[in-house]
Amino acid sequence: MERNSEHDKESVIATNIMADEGSNRFRATIRFLPQSLSQGGYTLGTMQLLPSFSSARQLGQSPRRAASASIGFFHCTRFKLAALLCVVPAFSGLKASLAAPAPIICIDPGHPSETSAGASANGLSENRLNWQVALTLQKRLKAMGIRTVMTKNRENQKVTNRQRAEIANRASAALFIRLHCDEGGGRGFAWYYPDRAGHKQGVTGPPRHVQVASREAAYILNETMTTVLRGSLRANPVKTDAATFVGGRQGGVLTGSIFSKVPTALLEMCFINQRNDARFIASKAGQEKMAQAIALGVQRFLRSRP
C-alpha cells in the first residue's frame, strides 16, 4: 500500500471482513488507496455487496450513520478510502440456489429410432430438419446460460426412444424436449405431453409429478411460441400423447414419455408436406426463429419452477 508522506497517521486498516446478509455469509478482501484530502477529519468507506459478488464500491457517509447502517466501516485520518475489491462468497452459509449449477435441457432431435427414420416430403427430410433445429436451439440456450445435453451425436445416429429418455434421466434434465416434424392434413406447430402412465418393457411411467410438470411445460412453450411465431406458423392447441399415432396405439402414452423421469414434451414443429410450413422450416431464418421461440419458452418454464 502506498502512503502520502504528508499524512502519516492511519488509525484503522481492515481486511478479511466477515459480514452476514440474510442467510448468506461473505468474506471481503479490501485494498485501500489513500488519497490526500484538502481538509482533515474522517472519511468512511462502506461496502456494498452486489448480487454477482464480483464488485464493491465506496460510499462516503458520516461516522454515526455508517457505523449503524454499514456492513463494515473503516475510518482514517486525512485519508480517503478507495477501491474496495474482490468480494467473494465464503463457503459457510451459502444458499443452495447460489451454489446450484445451471439447469440442463435435454434436446432430442427425433429419428431415426425403432419406430421409423422420419417423414419426408417436398424434398425435405424430417430427420435432417430435426437435427438442424436442435443444433440451433443448443446454441441459443447456451447463450442464455442454460446447459444442454443431446440424445444423439450425429444426424443419422439411431437411438431408441427408451434410450433417449434415459439420457434425459441421467442428466437430471429440467426438461426433455423432443423435436419432430409432422406430415398430414394439418399445418403449423403443436405440443404434446403425457397425461397418464403407460406400460412398456416392464416399466410403468411417467410418474404423476412428471405428468403435471410436462403439462405445465407444454402450455408455457406453446404460449410463448404462439407469440414469437405469429404470422409465420399456425399455433395448434396443446394435445396429449394419446393424440399421436404411436401414443394412441399403446395406451395413450409415447414410449419416450413412459421411460421419462423428468418433465417431457414433444413438439411437432410443422407439417413438411404443406408448402408454406415446408418453406419456413427449410430456411435458415425459419430455423433460427423456431429455435428462438423454443428457447424463450424454455426460459419461461425454468423461471416458473420452484
Protein backbone atom coordinates (compact mmCIF):
# COMPACT_ATOMS: atom_id res chain seq x y z
CA MET A 1 0.00 0.00 0.00
CA GLU A 2 1.32 3.42 -0.92
CA ARG A 3 1.08 6.34 1.51
CA ASN A 4 1.25 10.09 1.11
CA SER A 5 4.16 11.13 3.32
CA GLU A 6 2.34 14.28 4.44
CA HIS A 7 -0.31 12.19 6.15
CA ASP A 8 1.49 9.71 8.31
CA LYS A 9 -1.24 8.56 10.65
CA GLU A 10 -3.79 5.97 9.69
CA SER A 11 -5.93 4.87 12.62
CA VAL A 12 -7.64 1.73 11.26
CA ILE A 13 -6.93 -0.66 8.41
CA ALA A 14 -9.30 -3.61 7.98
CA THR A 15 -9.10 -6.69 5.78
CA ASN A 16 -10.92 -10.01 5.52
CA ILE A 17 -14.12 -8.57 6.95
CA MET A 18 -16.85 -11.13 7.59
CA ALA A 19 -20.43 -9.96 7.13
CA ASP A 20 -23.84 -11.54 7.15
CA GLU A 21 -26.66 -10.68 4.76
CA GLY A 22 -29.71 -12.82 5.42
CA SER A 23 -28.63 -16.44 5.32
CA ASN A 24 -25.53 -15.64 3.25
CA ARG A 25 -22.12 -15.03 4.72
CA PHE A 26 -19.50 -13.14 2.79
CA ARG A 27 -15.79 -12.51 3.09
CA ALA A 28 -14.48 -9.23 1.69
CA THR A 29 -10.87 -8.58 0.83
CA ILE A 30 -10.25 -4.83 0.87
CA ARG A 31 -7.45 -2.73 -0.62
CA PHE A 32 -7.04 0.90 0.39
CA LEU A 33 -5.58 3.51 -1.93
CA PRO A 34 -5.03 6.61 0.25
CA GLN A 35 -5.56 9.99 -1.29
CA SER A 36 -4.82 13.40 0.21
CA LEU A 37 -7.83 15.44 1.31
CA SER A 38 -7.97 19.20 1.47
CA GLN A 39 -9.50 19.09 4.92
CA GLY A 40 -8.88 16.89 7.94
CA GLY A 41 -11.33 14.66 9.70
CA TYR A 42 -12.75 11.21 8.98
CA THR A 43 -13.86 9.69 5.72
CA LEU A 44 -15.73 6.43 5.97
CA GLY A 45 -15.81 3.77 3.27
CA THR A 46 -18.75 1.40 3.23
CA MET A 47 -19.02 -1.81 1.28
CA GLN A 48 -21.93 -2.68 -0.97
CA LEU A 49 -22.30 -6.36 -1.83
CA LEU A 50 -23.78 -6.84 -5.28
CA PRO A 51 -25.76 -9.95 -6.33
CA SER A 52 -22.92 -11.09 -8.56
CA PHE A 53 -20.48 -10.97 -5.61
CA SER A 54 -17.99 -9.60 -8.10
CA SER A 55 -17.77 -5.93 -7.25
CA ALA A 56 -17.96 -3.42 -4.44
CA ARG A 57 -17.82 0.33 -4.16
CA GLN A 58 -17.04 3.05 -1.69
CA LEU A 59 -19.75 5.32 -0.29
CA GLY A 60 -18.95 8.39 1.79
CA GLN A 61 -21.08 8.74 4.93
CA SER A 62 -20.96 10.40 8.31
CA PRO A 63 -19.32 8.26 11.04
CA ARG A 64 -22.51 7.77 13.03
CA ARG A 65 -24.64 6.81 10.06
CA ALA A 66 -22.04 4.45 8.65
CA ALA A 67 -21.47 2.76 11.99
CA SER A 68 -25.16 1.98 12.34
CA ALA A 69 -26.02 1.08 8.74
CA SER A 70 -22.90 -0.32 7.08
CA ILE A 71 -21.96 -3.93 6.65
CA GLY A 72 -18.43 -2.89 7.63
CA PHE A 73 -16.82 0.54 8.11
CA PHE A 74 -13.32 1.88 8.23
CA HIS A 75 -12.06 5.29 9.34
CA CYS A 76 -8.81 7.00 8.56
CA THR A 77 -7.25 10.37 9.44
CA ARG A 78 -6.90 12.62 6.42
CA PHE A 79 -7.05 9.67 4.05
CA LYS A 80 -9.73 8.78 1.59
CA LEU A 81 -10.65 5.12 1.24
CA ALA A 82 -11.00 3.79 -2.28
CA ALA A 83 -11.23 0.64 -4.37
CA LEU A 84 -12.99 -1.96 -2.26
CA LEU A 85 -12.22 -5.01 -4.30
CA CYS A 86 -12.73 -8.71 -4.67
CA VAL A 87 -15.96 -9.58 -2.90
CA VAL A 88 -16.30 -13.35 -2.87
CA PRO A 89 -18.80 -15.69 -1.23
CA ALA A 90 -17.50 -17.73 1.71
CA PHE A 91 -18.27 -21.41 1.84
CA SER A 92 -20.38 -21.37 5.01
CA GLY A 93 -23.98 -20.21 5.00
CA LEU A 94 -24.46 -20.01 1.24
CA LYS A 95 -27.95 -20.50 -0.09
CA ALA A 96 -28.31 -23.70 -2.06
CA SER A 97 -29.63 -21.76 -5.04
CA LEU A 98 -26.44 -19.74 -5.27
CA ALA A 99 -24.27 -22.84 -5.45
CA ALA A 100 -26.58 -24.80 -7.74
CA PRO A 101 -25.36 -25.34 -11.30
CA ALA A 102 -27.31 -24.05 -14.27
CA PRO A 103 -30.26 -26.27 -15.29
CA ILE A 104 -29.87 -28.81 -18.06
CA ILE A 105 -32.22 -29.11 -21.01
CA CYS A 106 -32.17 -32.39 -22.90
CA ILE A 107 -32.68 -31.78 -26.62
CA ASP A 108 -33.93 -34.79 -28.55
CA PRO A 109 -33.72 -34.47 -32.35
CA GLY A 110 -36.29 -37.09 -33.35
CA HIS A 111 -35.40 -40.08 -35.54
CA PRO A 112 -34.03 -42.41 -36.56
CA SER A 113 -35.39 -44.72 -33.87
CA GLU A 114 -37.05 -48.13 -33.60
CA THR A 115 -40.28 -46.64 -34.97
CA SER A 116 -39.08 -45.00 -38.20
CA ALA A 117 -36.44 -42.93 -39.97
CA GLY A 118 -38.78 -39.94 -40.04
CA ALA A 119 -41.10 -38.36 -42.58
CA SER A 120 -40.12 -36.86 -45.92
CA ALA A 121 -41.94 -34.51 -48.27
CA ASN A 122 -41.26 -31.56 -50.57
CA GLY A 123 -37.67 -32.74 -50.84
CA LEU A 124 -37.20 -32.39 -47.09
CA SER A 125 -36.08 -34.96 -44.54
CA GLU A 126 -37.65 -34.74 -41.08
CA ASN A 127 -34.55 -36.33 -39.59
CA ARG A 128 -32.32 -33.62 -41.02
CA LEU A 129 -34.64 -30.76 -40.07
CA ASN A 130 -34.90 -32.03 -36.51
CA TRP A 131 -31.10 -32.16 -36.28
CA GLN A 132 -30.61 -28.68 -37.74
CA VAL A 133 -33.10 -27.04 -35.39
CA ALA A 134 -31.65 -28.97 -32.44
CA LEU A 135 -28.16 -27.59 -33.10
CA THR A 136 -29.51 -24.06 -33.45
CA LEU A 137 -31.52 -24.43 -30.24
CA GLN A 138 -28.47 -25.73 -28.41
CA LYS A 139 -26.54 -22.57 -29.33
CA ARG A 140 -29.42 -20.34 -28.26
CA LEU A 141 -29.76 -21.99 -24.87
CA LYS A 142 -26.02 -21.89 -24.29
CA ALA A 143 -26.07 -18.15 -24.95
CA MET A 144 -28.74 -17.87 -22.23
CA GLY A 145 -26.53 -19.70 -19.75
CA ILE A 146 -28.59 -22.88 -19.96
CA ARG A 147 -26.70 -26.16 -20.23
CA THR A 148 -27.80 -28.79 -22.72
CA VAL A 149 -27.37 -32.45 -23.50
CA MET A 150 -28.26 -34.04 -26.83
CA THR A 151 -29.72 -37.51 -27.25
CA LYS A 152 -27.51 -38.22 -30.25
CA ASN A 153 -24.13 -37.10 -31.54
CA ARG A 154 -24.72 -37.44 -35.26
CA GLU A 155 -27.61 -36.68 -37.55
CA ASN A 156 -28.18 -40.28 -38.64
CA GLN A 157 -27.33 -41.96 -35.34
CA LYS A 158 -30.06 -44.44 -34.41
CA VAL A 159 -31.19 -44.14 -30.80
CA THR A 160 -34.23 -45.91 -29.38
CA ASN A 161 -36.92 -43.86 -27.68
CA ARG A 162 -36.18 -45.57 -24.38
CA GLN A 163 -32.51 -44.65 -24.67
CA ARG A 164 -33.42 -41.05 -25.42
CA ALA A 165 -35.47 -40.81 -22.23
CA GLU A 166 -32.72 -42.49 -20.22
CA ILE A 167 -30.21 -39.90 -21.44
CA ALA A 168 -32.50 -37.16 -20.12
CA ASN A 169 -32.92 -39.04 -16.84
CA ARG A 170 -29.18 -39.49 -16.31
CA ALA A 171 -28.66 -35.78 -16.90
CA SER A 172 -31.43 -34.94 -14.38
CA ALA A 173 -32.73 -32.63 -17.07
CA ALA A 174 -35.10 -29.85 -16.10
CA LEU A 175 -36.92 -30.58 -19.35
CA PHE A 176 -36.73 -33.24 -22.07
CA ILE A 177 -37.69 -31.58 -25.39
CA ARG A 178 -38.41 -33.84 -28.33
CA LEU A 179 -38.23 -32.23 -31.78
CA HIS A 180 -40.22 -33.64 -34.70
CA CYS A 181 -41.94 -32.61 -37.92
CA ASP A 182 -45.37 -33.88 -38.88
CA GLU A 183 -46.96 -34.98 -42.12
CA GLY A 184 -50.68 -34.95 -42.90
CA GLY A 185 -53.64 -32.68 -43.39
CA GLY A 186 -52.84 -30.08 -40.76
CA ARG A 187 -50.43 -27.17 -40.64
CA GLY A 188 -48.43 -25.31 -38.05
CA PHE A 189 -46.86 -26.49 -34.78
CA ALA A 190 -48.27 -28.47 -31.88
CA TRP A 191 -47.06 -29.57 -28.44
CA TYR A 192 -47.82 -32.98 -26.90
CA TYR A 193 -47.37 -34.12 -23.30
CA PRO A 194 -48.14 -37.27 -21.25
CA ASP A 195 -51.25 -37.05 -19.06
CA ARG A 196 -51.24 -40.64 -17.83
CA ALA A 197 -48.93 -43.55 -17.15
CA GLY A 198 -48.28 -46.26 -19.73
CA HIS A 199 -46.64 -49.66 -19.60
CA LYS A 200 -43.81 -50.97 -21.70
CA GLN A 201 -40.92 -53.42 -21.25
CA GLY A 202 -41.87 -53.95 -17.62
CA VAL A 203 -41.85 -50.23 -16.83
CA THR A 204 -44.79 -48.03 -15.81
CA GLY A 205 -44.48 -44.31 -16.31
CA PRO A 206 -44.19 -41.44 -16.30
CA PRO A 207 -44.85 -40.66 -12.59
CA ARG A 208 -47.69 -38.31 -11.75
CA HIS A 209 -45.39 -35.38 -10.87
CA VAL A 210 -43.73 -35.70 -14.27
CA GLN A 211 -47.14 -35.62 -15.95
CA VAL A 212 -48.04 -32.40 -14.11
CA ALA A 213 -44.74 -30.68 -14.91
CA SER A 214 -44.89 -31.85 -18.51
CA ARG A 215 -48.32 -30.29 -18.94
CA GLU A 216 -47.06 -27.02 -17.49
CA ALA A 217 -44.08 -27.04 -19.86
CA ALA A 218 -46.20 -27.76 -22.91
CA TYR A 219 -48.60 -24.91 -22.22
CA ILE A 220 -45.87 -22.38 -21.41
CA LEU A 221 -43.89 -23.31 -24.51
CA ASN A 222 -46.99 -23.21 -26.69
CA GLU A 223 -47.99 -19.78 -25.42
CA THR A 224 -44.51 -18.36 -25.95
CA MET A 225 -44.16 -19.85 -29.41
CA THR A 226 -47.59 -18.56 -30.43
CA THR A 227 -46.37 -15.03 -29.80
CA VAL A 228 -42.95 -15.39 -31.42
CA LEU A 229 -44.16 -17.28 -34.50
CA ARG A 230 -47.33 -15.31 -35.13
CA GLY A 231 -47.54 -14.63 -38.85
CA SER A 232 -45.08 -17.42 -39.65
CA LEU A 233 -46.69 -20.64 -38.43
CA ARG A 234 -50.10 -21.57 -37.16
CA ALA A 235 -50.35 -22.42 -33.44
CA ASN A 236 -52.39 -25.55 -32.74
CA PRO A 237 -53.94 -26.45 -29.38
CA VAL A 238 -51.79 -28.35 -26.89
CA LYS A 239 -52.55 -32.07 -27.02
CA THR A 240 -51.67 -35.19 -25.07
CA ASP A 241 -49.60 -38.17 -26.18
CA ALA A 242 -52.84 -40.02 -26.85
CA ALA A 243 -53.42 -37.82 -29.92
CA THR A 244 -50.24 -39.11 -31.59
CA PHE A 245 -50.15 -42.17 -33.84
CA VAL A 246 -47.76 -44.16 -31.64
CA GLY A 247 -49.24 -42.98 -28.35
CA GLY A 248 -52.73 -43.90 -29.47
CA ARG A 249 -51.63 -47.48 -30.09
CA GLN A 250 -50.03 -48.03 -26.67
CA GLY A 251 -52.41 -46.79 -24.03
CA GLY A 252 -52.19 -43.09 -24.79
CA VAL A 253 -48.52 -42.62 -23.89
CA LEU A 254 -45.45 -42.30 -26.10
CA THR A 255 -42.51 -44.60 -25.41
CA GLY A 256 -40.21 -41.72 -24.55
CA SER A 257 -42.74 -40.48 -22.01
CA ILE A 258 -43.14 -43.88 -20.35
CA PHE A 259 -39.44 -44.07 -19.57
CA SER A 260 -39.02 -40.40 -18.67
CA LYS A 261 -38.44 -39.46 -15.05
CA VAL A 262 -38.16 -35.76 -15.90
CA PRO A 263 -40.68 -33.34 -17.45
CA THR A 264 -41.07 -34.04 -21.15
CA ALA A 265 -42.89 -32.53 -24.10
CA LEU A 266 -42.84 -33.32 -27.80
CA LEU A 267 -43.03 -30.64 -30.46
CA GLU A 268 -44.26 -31.23 -33.99
CA MET A 269 -42.65 -28.13 -35.48
CA CYS A 270 -44.70 -28.09 -38.69
CA PHE A 271 -46.22 -30.20 -41.45
CA ILE A 272 -43.48 -30.63 -44.01
CA ASN A 273 -45.93 -31.79 -46.69
CA GLN A 274 -47.64 -28.39 -46.51
CA ARG A 275 -45.90 -25.92 -48.82
CA ASN A 276 -45.84 -22.87 -46.55
CA ASP A 277 -44.72 -24.88 -43.49
CA ALA A 278 -42.04 -26.59 -45.55
CA ARG A 279 -40.73 -23.31 -46.90
CA PHE A 280 -40.49 -21.86 -43.40
CA ILE A 281 -38.70 -24.76 -41.70
CA ALA A 282 -36.32 -25.33 -44.62
CA SER A 283 -34.96 -21.78 -44.45
CA LYS A 284 -32.14 -20.71 -42.17
CA ALA A 285 -34.24 -17.80 -40.97
CA GLY A 286 -37.15 -20.11 -40.20
CA GLN A 287 -34.96 -22.50 -38.22
CA GLU A 288 -33.45 -19.60 -36.27
CA LYS A 289 -36.89 -18.25 -35.45
CA MET A 290 -38.11 -21.70 -34.42
CA ALA A 291 -35.11 -22.13 -32.10
CA GLN A 292 -35.63 -18.65 -30.68
CA ALA A 293 -39.28 -19.39 -29.91
CA ILE A 294 -38.45 -22.67 -28.19
CA ALA A 295 -35.56 -21.15 -26.21
CA LEU A 296 -37.72 -18.31 -24.91
CA GLY A 297 -40.36 -20.83 -23.89
CA VAL A 298 -37.74 -22.92 -22.09
CA GLN A 299 -36.54 -19.82 -20.26
CA ARG A 300 -40.08 -19.01 -19.13
CA PHE A 301 -40.63 -22.57 -17.98
CA LEU A 302 -37.42 -22.62 -15.93
CA ARG A 303 -38.36 -19.34 -14.27
CA SER A 304 -41.74 -20.79 -13.31
CA ARG A 305 -40.19 -23.71 -11.48
CA PRO A 306 -39.70 -23.57 -7.67
